[in-house]
Amino acid sequence: MLYMVEHPPHRSAPIAHDQTNENENEIDHMRKRTLTTRRLVIYILAALIAGAAVVSAGLAGMYRVVYPAQYQTYVEASAKENGVDPALIYAIIKCESSFRADAQSSIGARGLMQLTQDTFDWVKYRMKDTGGTTYDSMFIPEMNIRYGTYMIKLLLDEFGDLDTALCAYHAGRGVTNEWLQDKACSPDGLKVTAIPYKDTRAYVERVTKTLKIYKALYKFN
């Protein structure tokens, strides 16, 4: 007589199915966690970028207080008329007078761009200004900027180099031409690369540095 032996139900398949579900749930959980982490990183980066922009704008605003663009109408008009970079005019005014229209140096240089009597007379002659402009007019911002800008234009045209033109603006054309003839100061005779006067050297460095700051802070036409 044959006896039928009952075997317990085969449960291997259901167990594998349960493990598959658990694995899928774990993978799904990891994906959600990864997605959440990515979003968090994006939010943090966005906040940092926004914060950096605010800080950058704040710093630019602070710099504009120290390096203002005053007398804009006069500066831009003279710059356009003479083909001179407005940033250069602002840099010269900043270094010469710190935008004080009534400034007067120990040697008598006057106004925003600090023109001496001799410089005024020379520029007036070169401009063919036959009007009633006098040296006292150099305390008037519009007139001082007009004459000072024409002065730097003449020097840029004559020397063809910014540093050399600034040497002439500070130390004088005669002295600058002597430096150009000195191999120790100007090996090529075209540009002054070694400025003998300490104060003129410091002046040129200060103006060129200030020029870069104005170019970085403002967008001029």
Protein backbone atom coordinates (compact mmCIF):
# COMPACT_ATOMS: atom_id res chain seq x y z
CA MET A 1 0.00 0.00 0.00
CA LEU A 2 1.36 3.30 -1.00
CA TYR A 3 1.25 6.10 1.49
CA MET A 4 0.98 9.61 0.22
CA VAL A 5 3.34 11.83 2.08
CA GLU A 6 2.14 15.38 2.24
CA HIS A 7 4.85 17.91 1.82
CA PRO A 8 4.63 21.33 3.42
CA PRO A 9 3.74 24.12 1.05
CA HIS A 10 6.68 25.44 -0.93
CA ARG A 11 7.37 28.93 0.39
CA SER A 12 10.59 29.82 -1.35
CA ALA A 13 8.85 31.86 -4.04
CA PRO A 14 6.84 34.00 -1.60
CA ILE A 15 9.99 34.64 0.45
CA ALA A 16 11.87 35.79 -2.69
CA HIS A 17 8.92 38.00 -3.57
CA ASP A 18 8.99 39.57 -0.10
CA GLN A 19 12.74 40.25 -0.40
CA THR A 20 12.23 41.81 -3.82
CA ASN A 21 9.61 44.15 -2.38
CA GLU A 22 11.90 45.08 0.47
CA ASN A 23 14.77 45.77 -1.94
CA GLU A 24 12.56 47.89 -4.17
CA ASN A 25 11.31 49.84 -1.18
CA GLU A 26 14.87 50.43 0.00
CA ILE A 27 15.97 51.57 -3.48
CA ASP A 28 12.97 53.86 -3.73
CA HIS A 29 13.76 55.28 -0.30
CA MET A 30 17.40 55.88 -1.29
CA ARG A 31 16.32 57.61 -4.49
CA LYS A 32 14.00 59.91 -2.59
CA ARG A 33 16.70 60.65 -0.03
CA THR A 34 19.22 61.38 -2.81
CA LEU A 35 16.72 63.66 -4.55
CA THR A 36 16.04 65.50 -1.30
CA THR A 37 19.78 65.91 -0.69
CA ARG A 38 20.30 67.27 -4.21
CA ARG A 39 17.49 69.75 -3.77
CA LEU A 40 18.94 70.84 -0.45
CA VAL A 41 22.36 71.35 -2.03
CA ILE A 42 20.77 73.37 -4.86
CA TYR A 43 18.89 75.53 -2.35
CA ILE A 44 22.06 76.11 -0.34
CA LEU A 45 24.08 77.00 -3.46
CA ALA A 46 21.33 79.37 -4.62
CA ALA A 47 21.30 81.04 -1.21
CA LEU A 48 25.09 81.38 -1.22
CA ILE A 49 25.09 82.87 -4.73
CA ALA A 50 22.32 85.29 -3.80
CA GLY A 51 24.17 86.25 -0.63
CA ALA A 52 27.40 86.78 -2.55
CA ALA A 53 25.56 89.02 -5.02
CA VAL A 54 24.15 91.09 -2.16
CA VAL A 55 27.58 91.39 -0.55
CA SER A 56 29.16 92.29 -3.90
CA ALA A 57 26.52 94.95 -4.54
CA GLY A 58 27.01 96.28 -1.03
CA LEU A 59 30.77 96.53 -1.47
CA ALA A 60 30.35 98.26 -4.84
CA GLY A 61 28.01 100.77 -3.19
CA MET A 62 30.56 101.46 -0.47
CA TYR A 63 33.32 101.94 -3.05
CA ARG A 64 31.14 104.38 -5.01
CA VAL A 65 30.88 106.53 -1.91
CA VAL A 66 34.68 106.72 -1.74
CA TYR A 67 35.07 106.98 -5.53
CA PRO A 68 32.11 109.13 -6.64
CA ALA A 69 31.22 110.16 -10.17
CA GLN A 70 30.36 113.77 -9.44
CA TYR A 71 29.96 116.48 -12.09
CA GLN A 72 28.91 113.74 -14.50
CA THR A 73 27.36 116.08 -17.05
CA TYR A 74 30.55 118.15 -17.36
CA VAL A 75 32.88 115.15 -17.31
CA GLU A 76 31.04 113.19 -19.96
CA ALA A 77 30.61 116.23 -22.22
CA SER A 78 34.34 117.08 -22.07
CA ALA A 79 35.31 113.42 -22.45
CA LYS A 80 33.19 113.04 -25.58
CA GLU A 81 34.38 116.32 -27.06
CA ASN A 82 38.05 115.42 -26.63
CA GLY A 83 37.99 111.65 -27.04
CA VAL A 84 39.21 111.03 -23.50
CA ASP A 85 38.09 108.15 -21.27
CA PRO A 86 35.68 109.57 -18.62
CA ALA A 87 37.19 107.17 -16.08
CA LEU A 88 40.57 108.89 -16.55
CA ILE A 89 39.07 112.32 -15.89
CA TYR A 90 37.40 111.06 -12.72
CA ALA A 91 40.65 109.40 -11.62
CA ILE A 92 42.60 112.64 -12.08
CA ILE A 93 39.97 114.67 -10.22
CA LYS A 94 39.91 112.13 -7.39
CA CYS A 95 43.70 112.19 -7.01
CA GLU A 96 44.13 115.92 -7.55
CA SER A 97 41.35 117.43 -5.42
CA SER A 98 39.02 114.69 -4.14
CA PHE A 99 36.22 116.54 -5.97
CA ARG A 100 36.72 119.81 -4.07
CA ALA A 101 35.99 122.58 -6.56
CA ASP A 102 37.60 125.18 -4.28
CA ALA A 103 40.86 123.23 -3.81
CA GLN A 104 44.08 125.23 -4.10
CA SER A 105 47.56 123.78 -3.70
CA SER A 106 50.62 125.33 -2.09
CA ILE A 107 51.90 126.35 -5.54
CA GLY A 108 48.59 127.90 -6.51
CA ALA A 109 47.08 125.14 -8.65
CA ARG A 110 43.31 125.56 -8.67
CA GLY A 111 40.12 123.61 -8.82
CA LEU A 112 39.09 120.03 -9.47
CA MET A 113 41.94 119.14 -11.85
CA GLN A 114 44.48 121.48 -10.20
CA LEU A 115 45.61 123.73 -13.04
CA THR A 116 48.38 126.25 -12.46
CA GLN A 117 48.40 129.73 -14.00
CA ASP A 118 51.00 128.70 -16.62
CA THR A 119 49.02 125.59 -17.52
CA PHE A 120 45.82 127.60 -17.82
CA ASP A 121 47.47 130.14 -20.11
CA TRP A 122 48.97 127.41 -22.33
CA VAL A 123 45.69 125.48 -22.59
CA LYS A 124 43.73 128.66 -23.30
CA TYR A 125 46.15 129.47 -26.12
CA ARG A 126 45.92 125.95 -27.57
CA MET A 127 42.12 125.98 -27.32
CA LYS A 128 42.03 129.36 -29.09
CA ASP A 129 39.71 130.55 -26.36
CA THR A 130 39.21 134.24 -27.10
CA GLY A 131 36.40 134.63 -24.60
CA GLY A 132 36.59 136.22 -21.20
CA THR A 133 37.75 133.10 -19.36
CA THR A 134 40.18 134.00 -16.58
CA TYR A 135 42.25 131.97 -14.18
CA ASP A 136 39.62 132.58 -11.50
CA SER A 137 37.29 130.53 -13.68
CA MET A 138 39.26 127.44 -12.67
CA PHE A 139 37.23 127.35 -9.47
CA ILE A 140 34.13 126.77 -11.59
CA PRO A 141 33.69 123.00 -12.08
CA GLU A 142 32.49 123.16 -15.66
CA MET A 143 35.39 125.37 -16.77
CA ASN A 144 38.03 123.49 -14.80
CA ILE A 145 36.93 120.13 -16.21
CA ARG A 146 36.84 121.59 -19.72
CA TYR A 147 40.38 122.96 -19.46
CA GLY A 148 41.78 119.99 -17.55
CA THR A 149 40.36 117.47 -20.00
CA TYR A 150 41.76 119.41 -22.94
CA MET A 151 45.11 119.46 -21.15
CA ILE A 152 45.26 115.67 -20.71
CA LYS A 153 44.12 115.24 -24.34
CA LEU A 154 47.04 117.39 -25.55
CA LEU A 155 49.48 115.35 -23.45
CA LEU A 156 48.09 112.01 -24.63
CA ASP A 157 48.35 113.20 -28.23
CA GLU A 158 51.90 114.45 -27.70
CA PHE A 159 53.36 111.49 -25.81
CA GLY A 160 51.11 108.64 -26.93
CA ASP A 161 51.44 106.85 -23.61
CA LEU A 162 49.28 107.22 -20.50
CA ASP A 163 52.04 106.98 -17.88
CA THR A 164 54.23 109.44 -19.76
CA ALA A 165 51.31 111.83 -20.24
CA LEU A 166 50.60 111.66 -16.49
CA CYS A 167 54.27 112.42 -15.82
CA ALA A 168 53.87 115.56 -17.91
CA TYR A 169 50.60 116.46 -16.19
CA HIS A 170 52.31 116.27 -12.80
CA ALA A 171 55.94 117.27 -13.38
CA GLY A 172 55.59 119.32 -16.57
CA ARG A 173 56.18 118.76 -20.28
CA GLY A 174 59.71 120.14 -20.22
CA VAL A 175 60.89 117.78 -17.47
CA THR A 176 59.15 114.84 -19.11
CA ASN A 177 60.87 115.52 -22.44
CA GLU A 178 64.22 115.57 -20.60
CA TRP A 179 63.42 112.16 -19.13
CA LEU A 180 62.62 110.82 -22.59
CA GLN A 181 66.10 111.83 -23.72
CA ASP A 182 67.69 110.02 -20.75
CA LYS A 183 68.33 106.32 -21.45
CA ALA A 184 68.12 105.57 -17.74
CA CYS A 185 64.56 106.90 -17.67
CA SER A 186 63.46 105.94 -21.16
CA PRO A 187 65.45 103.26 -23.01
CA ASP A 188 63.39 103.64 -26.18
CA GLY A 189 62.98 107.41 -25.98
CA LEU A 190 59.22 107.02 -26.35
CA LYS A 191 57.98 106.12 -22.88
CA VAL A 192 59.20 107.07 -19.42
CA THR A 193 59.62 103.73 -17.65
CA ALA A 194 61.77 104.86 -14.71
CA ILE A 195 60.39 108.05 -13.17
CA PRO A 196 63.14 109.91 -11.23
CA TYR A 197 60.83 112.03 -9.06
CA LYS A 198 59.40 110.06 -6.17
CA ASP A 199 56.26 112.20 -5.90
CA THR A 200 55.60 111.98 -9.65
CA ARG A 201 56.13 108.22 -9.58
CA ALA A 202 53.65 107.92 -6.71
CA TYR A 203 51.20 110.18 -8.56
CA VAL A 204 51.28 108.09 -11.74
CA GLU A 205 50.78 104.88 -9.74
CA ARG A 206 47.90 106.43 -7.80
CA VAL A 207 46.09 107.73 -10.88
CA THR A 208 46.43 104.46 -12.83
CA LYS A 209 45.20 102.48 -9.83
CA THR A 210 42.26 104.85 -9.38
CA LEU A 211 41.52 104.62 -13.10
CA LYS A 212 41.12 100.83 -12.79
CA ILE A 213 38.77 101.28 -9.84
CA TYR A 214 36.55 103.70 -11.77
CA LYS A 215 36.45 101.33 -14.74
CA ALA A 216 35.39 98.51 -12.42
CA LEU A 217 32.72 100.54 -10.60
CA TYR A 218 31.07 102.37 -13.47
CA LYS A 219 29.99 101.70 -17.03
CA PHE A 220 30.71 104.83 -19.02
CA ASN A 221 29.37 105.53 -22.50
